[in-house]
Amino acid sequence: MNVSTLIEGYTFYPQPIFDARGQIVSAELLGRRTLERQAPFGQILKLAKQTDTTSRIFAHAVDYAVHLLSQIRYSGCGVSINICPLSLIKPGLVERLEWELNNAHLPPELLTLEITETIPFGDLDALARIVADIKDIGCRIYLDDFITGFSKLRHVVDLKVDGIKIDRTHIMSAASKGQSMLSLLASLAERQNLKAVAEGIETPAELLKVNQLNIPFRQGYLLARPMPIDAFIGLLQSQVLQAA
């Protein structure tokens, strides 16, 4: 069975991203199976990479993102989706994004693409051109799992990204061992005028360390798990009503 057929049996759950005040400012869409007998979403991603069909999964995620943004546009809350470098350089991607957003009358700045780093970046010049085109239509670009895998500090400069997602390994190390890498990344983001998201926060000690370093945005099971779209919309509506 091909990836296009398989992916139709999966959905995406938004996981809230919070600011330092505890307000939801965005959500990352994460793939989830709808039936227990289905393979974990990670296996579908692996198959897609082996068959060079990751762009099919990305297109599926874009559809969900547009659907969600159309329902929450009143809130100003953004949505982020993951994309691997191979999908990023596929012909027609920028045009597809622009058409989808224009067709739904959505502000493009509400959509963020998180570039995953599970495979080598290869030609940074080609990626930089695509990233520039995506930013030209108004979308935002983040580097996911920053300083893990094939990540290099030069990617921040070469790709001119808007923000970074600091990998959970650095959050755990800072909370348990007091290592300085998290502090270094927080300082780097501030110096480069990047938005920084501490992801994978699961314990109060980890959240405390993030607060101490003034990392502006945070995400993790301690704060909120990925949830069905209707549940996320309800949570966001409650926040809007409380602020009114």
C-alpha atoms as a PDB file:
ATOM      1  CA  MET A   1       0.000   0.000   0.000  1.00  0.00           C
ATOM      2  CA  ASN A   2       1.408   3.411  -0.913  1.00  0.00           C
ATOM      3  CA  VAL A   3       1.873   6.399   1.374  1.00  0.00           C
ATOM      4  CA  SER A   4      -0.956   8.387  -0.229  1.00  0.00           C
ATOM      5  CA  THR A   5      -3.449   5.663   0.715  1.00  0.00           C
ATOM      6  CA  LEU A   6      -1.983   5.080   4.171  1.00  0.00           C
ATOM      7  CA  ILE A   7      -1.920   8.731   5.245  1.00  0.00           C
ATOM      8  CA  GLU A   8      -5.674   9.113   4.715  1.00  0.00           C
ATOM      9  CA  GLY A   9      -6.190   6.912   7.779  1.00  0.00           C
ATOM     10  CA  TYR A  10      -4.305   9.304  10.052  1.00  0.00           C
ATOM     11  CA  THR A  11      -5.148  12.634  11.581  1.00  0.00           C
ATOM     12  CA  PHE A  12      -3.269  15.506  13.194  1.00  0.00           C
ATOM     13  CA  TYR A  13      -3.606  16.641  16.801  1.00  0.00           C
ATOM     14  CA  PRO A  14      -2.603  20.186  17.780  1.00  0.00           C
ATOM     15  CA  GLN A  15      -0.299  20.529  20.783  1.00  0.00           C
ATOM     16  CA  PRO A  16      -0.506  24.029  22.293  1.00  0.00           C
ATOM     17  CA  ILE A  17       2.528  26.292  22.505  1.00  0.00           C
ATOM     18  CA  PHE A  18       2.406  28.793  25.370  1.00  0.00           C
ATOM     19  CA  ASP A  19       4.041  32.110  26.144  1.00  0.00           C
ATOM     20  CA  ALA A  20       5.583  32.941  29.517  1.00  0.00           C
ATOM     21  CA  ARG A  21       2.187  34.105  30.836  1.00  0.00           C
ATOM     22  CA  GLY A  22       0.628  30.723  30.120  1.00  0.00           C
ATOM     23  CA  GLN A  23      -1.367  31.938  27.116  1.00  0.00           C
ATOM     24  CA  ILE A  24      -1.712  29.777  24.009  1.00  0.00           C
ATOM     25  CA  VAL A  25      -0.024  31.525  21.086  1.00  0.00           C
ATOM     26  CA  SER A  26       0.300  28.676  18.613  1.00  0.00           C
ATOM     27  CA  ALA A  27      -0.038  24.926  18.154  1.00  0.00           C
ATOM     28  CA  GLU A  28       2.069  22.287  16.463  1.00  0.00           C
ATOM     29  CA  LEU A  29       0.213  19.678  14.418  1.00  0.00           C
ATOM     30  CA  LEU A  30       1.405  16.167  15.275  1.00  0.00           C
ATOM     31  CA  GLY A  31       0.428  13.036  13.351  1.00  0.00           C
ATOM     32  CA  ARG A  32      -1.738  10.501  15.168  1.00  0.00           C
ATOM     33  CA  ARG A  33      -3.315   7.209  14.129  1.00  0.00           C
ATOM     34  CA  THR A  34      -7.084   6.931  14.381  1.00  0.00           C
ATOM     35  CA  LEU A  35      -7.223   3.162  14.944  1.00  0.00           C
ATOM     36  CA  GLU A  36      -5.109   0.979  17.237  1.00  0.00           C
ATOM     37  CA  ARG A  37      -4.427  -1.519  14.449  1.00  0.00           C
ATOM     38  CA  GLN A  38      -2.716   1.150  12.359  1.00  0.00           C
ATOM     39  CA  ALA A  39       1.047   1.486  12.369  1.00  0.00           C
ATOM     40  CA  PRO A  40       2.452   4.346  14.484  1.00  0.00           C
ATOM     41  CA  PHE A  41       2.721   7.605  12.557  1.00  0.00           C
ATOM     42  CA  GLY A  42       6.516   7.445  12.843  1.00  0.00           C
ATOM     43  CA  GLN A  43       6.529   4.299  10.697  1.00  0.00           C
ATOM     44  CA  ILE A  44       4.560   6.075   7.996  1.00  0.00           C
ATOM     45  CA  LEU A  45       7.113   8.890   8.046  1.00  0.00           C
ATOM     46  CA  LYS A  46       9.922   6.353   7.710  1.00  0.00           C
ATOM     47  CA  LEU A  47       8.201   4.725   4.727  1.00  0.00           C
ATOM     48  CA  ALA A  48       7.657   8.125   3.132  1.00  0.00           C
ATOM     49  CA  LYS A  49      11.359   8.970   3.442  1.00  0.00           C
ATOM     50  CA  GLN A  50      12.340   5.623   1.931  1.00  0.00           C
ATOM     51  CA  THR A  51      10.014   6.165  -1.035  1.00  0.00           C
ATOM     52  CA  ASP A  52      10.622   9.909  -1.438  1.00  0.00           C
ATOM     53  CA  THR A  53       6.957  10.696  -0.772  1.00  0.00           C
ATOM     54  CA  THR A  54       7.238  12.932   2.317  1.00  0.00           C
ATOM     55  CA  SER A  55       5.599  15.711   0.312  1.00  0.00           C
ATOM     56  CA  ARG A  56       2.331  13.711   0.421  1.00  0.00           C
ATOM     57  CA  ILE A  57       2.364  13.830   4.209  1.00  0.00           C
ATOM     58  CA  PHE A  58       3.191  17.533   4.128  1.00  0.00           C
ATOM     59  CA  ALA A  59       0.242  18.217   1.809  1.00  0.00           C
ATOM     60  CA  HIS A  60      -2.004  16.326   4.242  1.00  0.00           C
ATOM     61  CA  ALA A  61      -0.683  18.456   7.109  1.00  0.00           C
ATOM     62  CA  VAL A  62      -1.255  21.675   5.150  1.00  0.00           C
ATOM     63  CA  ASP A  63      -4.902  20.709   4.632  1.00  0.00           C
ATOM     64  CA  TYR A  64      -5.340  20.201   8.384  1.00  0.00           C
ATOM     65  CA  ALA A  65      -3.521  23.436   9.189  1.00  0.00           C
ATOM     66  CA  VAL A  66      -5.727  25.478   6.860  1.00  0.00           C
ATOM     67  CA  HIS A  67      -8.831  23.782   8.274  1.00  0.00           C
ATOM     68  CA  LEU A  68      -7.795  24.620  11.842  1.00  0.00           C
ATOM     69  CA  LEU A  69      -6.683  28.174  11.085  1.00  0.00           C
ATOM     70  CA  SER A  70      -9.982  28.854   9.347  1.00  0.00           C
ATOM     71  CA  GLN A  71     -11.774  28.052  12.605  1.00  0.00           C
ATOM     72  CA  ILE A  72      -9.495  29.995  14.969  1.00  0.00           C
ATOM     73  CA  ARG A  73      -8.565  33.039  12.890  1.00  0.00           C
ATOM     74  CA  TYR A  74     -10.442  35.242  15.385  1.00  0.00           C
ATOM     75  CA  SER A  75      -7.873  34.398  18.070  1.00  0.00           C
ATOM     76  CA  GLY A  76      -4.661  35.310  16.264  1.00  0.00           C
ATOM     77  CA  CYS A  77      -3.281  31.896  17.253  1.00  0.00           C
ATOM     78  CA  GLY A  78      -0.850  30.369  14.782  1.00  0.00           C
ATOM     79  CA  VAL A  79      -0.295  26.794  13.610  1.00  0.00           C
ATOM     80  CA  SER A  80       2.985  25.061  12.805  1.00  0.00           C
ATOM     81  CA  ILE A  81       3.629  21.960  10.730  1.00  0.00           C
ATOM     82  CA  ASN A  82       6.762  19.900  10.204  1.00  0.00           C
ATOM     83  CA  ILE A  83       8.558  19.599   6.908  1.00  0.00           C
ATOM     84  CA  CYS A  84      11.776  17.791   6.043  1.00  0.00           C
ATOM     85  CA  PRO A  85      14.380  19.373   3.745  1.00  0.00           C
ATOM     86  CA  LEU A  86      13.578  16.947   0.909  1.00  0.00           C
ATOM     87  CA  SER A  87       9.941  18.065   0.871  1.00  0.00           C
ATOM     88  CA  LEU A  88      10.959  21.693   1.165  1.00  0.00           C
ATOM     89  CA  ILE A  89      12.750  21.688  -2.174  1.00  0.00           C
ATOM     90  CA  LYS A  90       9.997  19.926  -4.101  1.00  0.00           C
ATOM     91  CA  PRO A  91       8.803  22.025  -7.092  1.00  0.00           C
ATOM     92  CA  GLY A  92       5.516  23.850  -6.564  1.00  0.00           C
ATOM     93  CA  LEU A  93       5.578  23.896  -2.759  1.00  0.00           C
ATOM     94  CA  VAL A  94       5.615  27.678  -2.387  1.00  0.00           C
ATOM     95  CA  GLU A  95       2.862  28.112  -4.955  1.00  0.00           C
ATOM     96  CA  ARG A  96       0.746  25.466  -3.198  1.00  0.00           C
ATOM     97  CA  LEU A  97       1.134  27.189   0.164  1.00  0.00           C
ATOM     98  CA  GLU A  98       0.282  30.592  -1.259  1.00  0.00           C
ATOM     99  CA  TRP A  99      -2.793  29.254  -3.058  1.00  0.00           C
ATOM    100  CA  GLU A 100      -4.090  27.396   0.006  1.00  0.00           C
ATOM    101  CA  LEU A 101      -3.742  30.440   2.263  1.00  0.00           C
ATOM    102  CA  ASN A 102      -5.202  32.894  -0.257  1.00  0.00           C
ATOM    103  CA  ASN A 103      -8.088  30.575  -1.045  1.00  0.00           C
ATOM    104  CA  ALA A 104      -8.974  30.397   2.659  1.00  0.00           C
ATOM    105  CA  HIS A 105      -8.350  34.156   3.148  1.00  0.00           C
ATOM    106  CA  LEU A 106      -5.847  33.429   5.912  1.00  0.00           C
ATOM    107  CA  PRO A 107      -2.994  35.707   7.034  1.00  0.00           C
ATOM    108  CA  PRO A 108       0.148  33.809   5.969  1.00  0.00           C
ATOM    109  CA  GLU A 109       2.035  34.825   9.108  1.00  0.00           C
ATOM    110  CA  LEU A 110      -0.200  32.458  11.103  1.00  0.00           C
ATOM    111  CA  LEU A 111       1.423  29.432   9.430  1.00  0.00           C
ATOM    112  CA  THR A 112       4.886  28.277  10.535  1.00  0.00           C
ATOM    113  CA  LEU A 113       6.945  25.575   8.874  1.00  0.00           C
ATOM    114  CA  GLU A 114       9.298  23.700  11.195  1.00  0.00           C
ATOM    115  CA  ILE A 115      12.238  22.272   9.272  1.00  0.00           C
ATOM    116  CA  THR A 116      13.105  18.909  10.761  1.00  0.00           C
ATOM    117  CA  GLU A 117      16.707  17.809  10.896  1.00  0.00           C
ATOM    118  CA  THR A 118      16.451  14.053  10.699  1.00  0.00           C
ATOM    119  CA  ILE A 119      18.265  13.999   7.342  1.00  0.00           C
ATOM    120  CA  PRO A 120      21.259  15.993   6.074  1.00  0.00           C
ATOM    121  CA  PHE A 121      20.456  19.393   4.677  1.00  0.00           C
ATOM    122  CA  GLY A 122      22.585  18.894   1.573  1.00  0.00           C
ATOM    123  CA  ASP A 123      22.564  21.988  -0.599  1.00  0.00           C
ATOM    124  CA  LEU A 124      22.021  24.881   1.796  1.00  0.00           C
ATOM    125  CA  ASP A 125      21.980  27.379  -1.062  1.00  0.00           C
ATOM    126  CA  ALA A 126      18.946  25.691  -2.638  1.00  0.00           C
ATOM    127  CA  LEU A 127      17.206  25.474   0.730  1.00  0.00           C
ATOM    128  CA  ALA A 128      17.978  29.119   1.456  1.00  0.00           C
ATOM    129  CA  ARG A 129      16.310  30.181  -1.794  1.00  0.00           C
ATOM    130  CA  ILE A 130      13.158  28.212  -0.984  1.00  0.00           C
ATOM    131  CA  VAL A 131      13.076  29.518   2.583  1.00  0.00           C
ATOM    132  CA  ALA A 132      13.358  33.073   1.252  1.00  0.00           C
ATOM    133  CA  ASP A 133      10.452  32.441  -1.133  1.00  0.00           C
ATOM    134  CA  ILE A 134       8.309  31.037   1.702  1.00  0.00           C
ATOM    135  CA  LYS A 135       9.097  34.027   3.894  1.00  0.00           C
ATOM    136  CA  ASP A 136       8.277  36.348   0.978  1.00  0.00           C
ATOM    137  CA  ILE A 137       4.694  35.080   0.957  1.00  0.00           C
ATOM    138  CA  GLY A 138       4.510  35.779   4.692  1.00  0.00           C
ATOM    139  CA  CYS A 139       4.914  32.376   6.365  1.00  0.00           C
ATOM    140  CA  ARG A 140       7.402  31.824   9.177  1.00  0.00           C
ATOM    141  CA  ILE A 141      10.256  29.310   9.282  1.00  0.00           C
ATOM    142  CA  TYR A 142      11.661  27.585  12.373  1.00  0.00           C
ATOM    143  CA  LEU A 143      14.432  25.030  12.827  1.00  0.00           C
ATOM    144  CA  ASP A 144      13.126  22.030  14.753  1.00  0.00           C
ATOM    145  CA  ASP A 145      15.146  19.943  17.266  1.00  0.00           C
ATOM    146  CA  PHE A 146      17.836  22.598  17.300  1.00  0.00           C
ATOM    147  CA  ILE A 147      21.445  21.444  17.888  1.00  0.00           C
ATOM    148  CA  THR A 148      20.644  17.783  17.377  1.00  0.00           C
ATOM    149  CA  GLY A 149      21.107  15.504  14.389  1.00  0.00           C
ATOM    150  CA  PHE A 150      22.661  17.361  11.495  1.00  0.00           C
ATOM    151  CA  SER A 151      21.991  20.819  12.857  1.00  0.00           C
ATOM    152  CA  LYS A 152      24.726  23.436  12.681  1.00  0.00           C
ATOM    153  CA  LEU A 153      24.810  26.947  13.982  1.00  0.00           C
ATOM    154  CA  ARG A 154      25.432  28.262  10.484  1.00  0.00           C
ATOM    155  CA  HIS A 155      21.928  27.146   9.458  1.00  0.00           C
ATOM    156  CA  VAL A 156      20.533  30.040  11.487  1.00  0.00           C
ATOM    157  CA  VAL A 157      22.522  32.498   9.393  1.00  0.00           C
ATOM    158  CA  ASP A 158      22.359  30.740   6.024  1.00  0.00           C
ATOM    159  CA  LEU A 159      18.629  30.052   6.122  1.00  0.00           C
ATOM    160  CA  LYS A 160      17.627  33.282   7.901  1.00  0.00           C
ATOM    161  CA  VAL A 161      15.013  31.472   9.966  1.00  0.00           C
ATOM    162  CA  ASP A 162      12.523  33.191  12.263  1.00  0.00           C
ATOM    163  CA  GLY A 163      12.958  30.907  15.254  1.00  0.00           C
ATOM    164  CA  ILE A 164      14.271  27.689  16.774  1.00  0.00           C
ATOM    165  CA  LYS A 165      12.704  24.797  18.657  1.00  0.00           C
ATOM    166  CA  ILE A 166      15.147  23.821  21.411  1.00  0.00           C
ATOM    167  CA  ASP A 167      15.297  20.054  21.654  1.00  0.00           C
ATOM    168  CA  ARG A 168      14.086  18.306  24.811  1.00  0.00           C
ATOM    169  CA  THR A 169      17.509  16.783  25.490  1.00  0.00           C
ATOM    170  CA  HIS A 170      18.833  20.229  26.405  1.00  0.00           C
ATOM    171  CA  ILE A 171      15.835  20.940  28.622  1.00  0.00           C
ATOM    172  CA  MET A 172      16.367  17.692  30.541  1.00  0.00           C
ATOM    173  CA  SER A 173      20.114  18.237  30.912  1.00  0.00           C
ATOM    174  CA  ALA A 174      19.679  21.768  32.230  1.00  0.00           C
ATOM    175  CA  ALA A 175      17.075  20.654  34.785  1.00  0.00           C
ATOM    176  CA  SER A 176      18.994  17.607  36.052  1.00  0.00           C
ATOM    177  CA  LYS A 177      22.657  18.505  35.607  1.00  0.00           C
ATOM    178  CA  GLY A 178      22.704  22.273  35.368  1.00  0.00           C
ATOM    179  CA  GLN A 179      24.498  22.163  32.021  1.00  0.00           C
ATOM    180  CA  SER A 180      25.000  25.434  30.218  1.00  0.00           C
ATOM    181  CA  MET A 181      23.911  24.394  26.691  1.00  0.00           C
ATOM    182  CA  LEU A 182      20.350  25.551  27.266  1.00  0.00           C
ATOM    183  CA  SER A 183      21.626  28.895  28.511  1.00  0.00           C
ATOM    184  CA  LEU A 184      23.853  29.150  25.430  1.00  0.00           C
ATOM    185  CA  LEU A 185      20.938  28.476  23.091  1.00  0.00           C
ATOM    186  CA  ALA A 186      18.724  30.981  24.879  1.00  0.00           C
ATOM    187  CA  SER A 187      21.449  33.615  24.534  1.00  0.00           C
ATOM    188  CA  LEU A 188      22.001  32.740  20.876  1.00  0.00           C
ATOM    189  CA  ALA A 189      18.313  33.178  20.101  1.00  0.00           C
ATOM    190  CA  GLU A 190      18.239  36.543  21.849  1.00  0.00           C
ATOM    191  CA  ARG A 191      21.355  37.799  20.039  1.00  0.00           C
ATOM    192  CA  GLN A 192      20.055  36.672  16.654  1.00  0.00           C
ATOM    193  CA  ASN A 193      16.573  38.086  17.322  1.00  0.00           C
ATOM    194  CA  LEU A 194      15.021  34.631  17.004  1.00  0.00           C
ATOM    195  CA  LYS A 195      11.876  33.305  18.609  1.00  0.00           C
ATOM    196  CA  ALA A 196      12.805  30.374  20.855  1.00  0.00           C
ATOM    197  CA  VAL A 197      10.499  27.535  21.882  1.00  0.00           C
ATOM    198  CA  ALA A 198      11.559  25.090  24.610  1.00  0.00           C
ATOM    199  CA  GLU A 199       9.895  21.836  23.606  1.00  0.00           C
ATOM    200  CA  GLY A 200       9.274  18.599  25.440  1.00  0.00           C
ATOM    201  CA  ILE A 201       8.766  20.081  28.915  1.00  0.00           C
ATOM    202  CA  GLU A 202       7.542  17.264  31.154  1.00  0.00           C
ATOM    203  CA  THR A 203       8.465  18.177  34.728  1.00  0.00           C
ATOM    204  CA  PRO A 204       8.128  21.240  36.984  1.00  0.00           C
ATOM    205  CA  ALA A 205      11.941  21.349  37.286  1.00  0.00           C
ATOM    206  CA  GLU A 206      12.274  21.667  33.527  1.00  0.00           C
ATOM    207  CA  LEU A 207       9.689  24.443  33.390  1.00  0.00           C
ATOM    208  CA  LEU A 208      11.469  26.245  36.219  1.00  0.00           C
ATOM    209  CA  LYS A 209      14.756  26.166  34.289  1.00  0.00           C
ATOM    210  CA  VAL A 210      13.030  27.507  31.165  1.00  0.00           C
ATOM    211  CA  ASN A 211      11.507  30.327  33.213  1.00  0.00           C
ATOM    212  CA  GLN A 212      14.855  31.161  34.818  1.00  0.00           C
ATOM    213  CA  LEU A 213      16.432  31.539  31.381  1.00  0.00           C
ATOM    214  CA  ASN A 214      13.524  33.661  30.121  1.00  0.00           C
ATOM    215  CA  ILE A 215      12.874  31.427  27.111  1.00  0.00           C
ATOM    216  CA  PRO A 216       9.723  33.096  25.768  1.00  0.00           C
ATOM    217  CA  PHE A 217       7.763  30.099  24.459  1.00  0.00           C
ATOM    218  CA  ARG A 218       7.280  26.576  25.755  1.00  0.00           C
ATOM    219  CA  GLN A 219       5.633  23.296  24.790  1.00  0.00           C
ATOM    220  CA  GLY A 220       5.318  19.893  26.397  1.00  0.00           C
ATOM    221  CA  TYR A 221       3.198  17.289  28.147  1.00  0.00           C
ATOM    222  CA  LEU A 222       3.444  19.130  31.474  1.00  0.00           C
ATOM    223  CA  LEU A 223       1.560  22.046  29.919  1.00  0.00           C
ATOM    224  CA  ALA A 224      -0.744  20.290  27.450  1.00  0.00           C
ATOM    225  CA  ARG A 225      -0.745  17.094  25.452  1.00  0.00           C
ATOM    226  CA  PRO A 226      -1.657  16.859  21.764  1.00  0.00           C
ATOM    227  CA  MET A 227      -5.442  16.816  21.533  1.00  0.00           C
ATOM    228  CA  PRO A 228      -8.254  16.497  18.991  1.00  0.00           C
ATOM    229  CA  ILE A 229      -8.932  19.682  17.038  1.00  0.00           C
ATOM    230  CA  ASP A 230     -12.335  20.227  18.699  1.00  0.00           C
ATOM    231  CA  ALA A 231     -10.762  20.040  22.153  1.00  0.00           C
ATOM    232  CA  PHE A 232      -8.069  22.518  21.161  1.00  0.00           C
ATOM    233  CA  ILE A 233     -10.629  24.945  19.750  1.00  0.00           C
ATOM    234  CA  GLY A 234     -12.611  24.709  22.985  1.00  0.00           C
ATOM    235  CA  LEU A 235      -9.482  25.425  25.043  1.00  0.00           C
ATOM    236  CA  LEU A 236      -8.642  28.404  22.868  1.00  0.00           C
ATOM    237  CA  GLN A 237     -12.200  29.747  23.068  1.00  0.00           C
ATOM    238  CA  SER A 238     -12.062  29.589  26.871  1.00  0.00           C
ATOM    239  CA  GLN A 239      -8.835  31.607  26.809  1.00  0.00           C
ATOM    240  CA  VAL A 240     -10.372  34.245  24.540  1.00  0.00           C
ATOM    241  CA  LEU A 241     -13.466  34.538  26.744  1.00  0.00           C
ATOM    242  CA  GLN A 242     -11.383  34.904  29.895  1.00  0.00           C
ATOM    243  CA  ALA A 243      -9.384  37.687  28.277  1.00  0.00           C
ATOM    244  CA  ALA A 244     -12.511  39.571  27.152  1.00  0.00           C
END
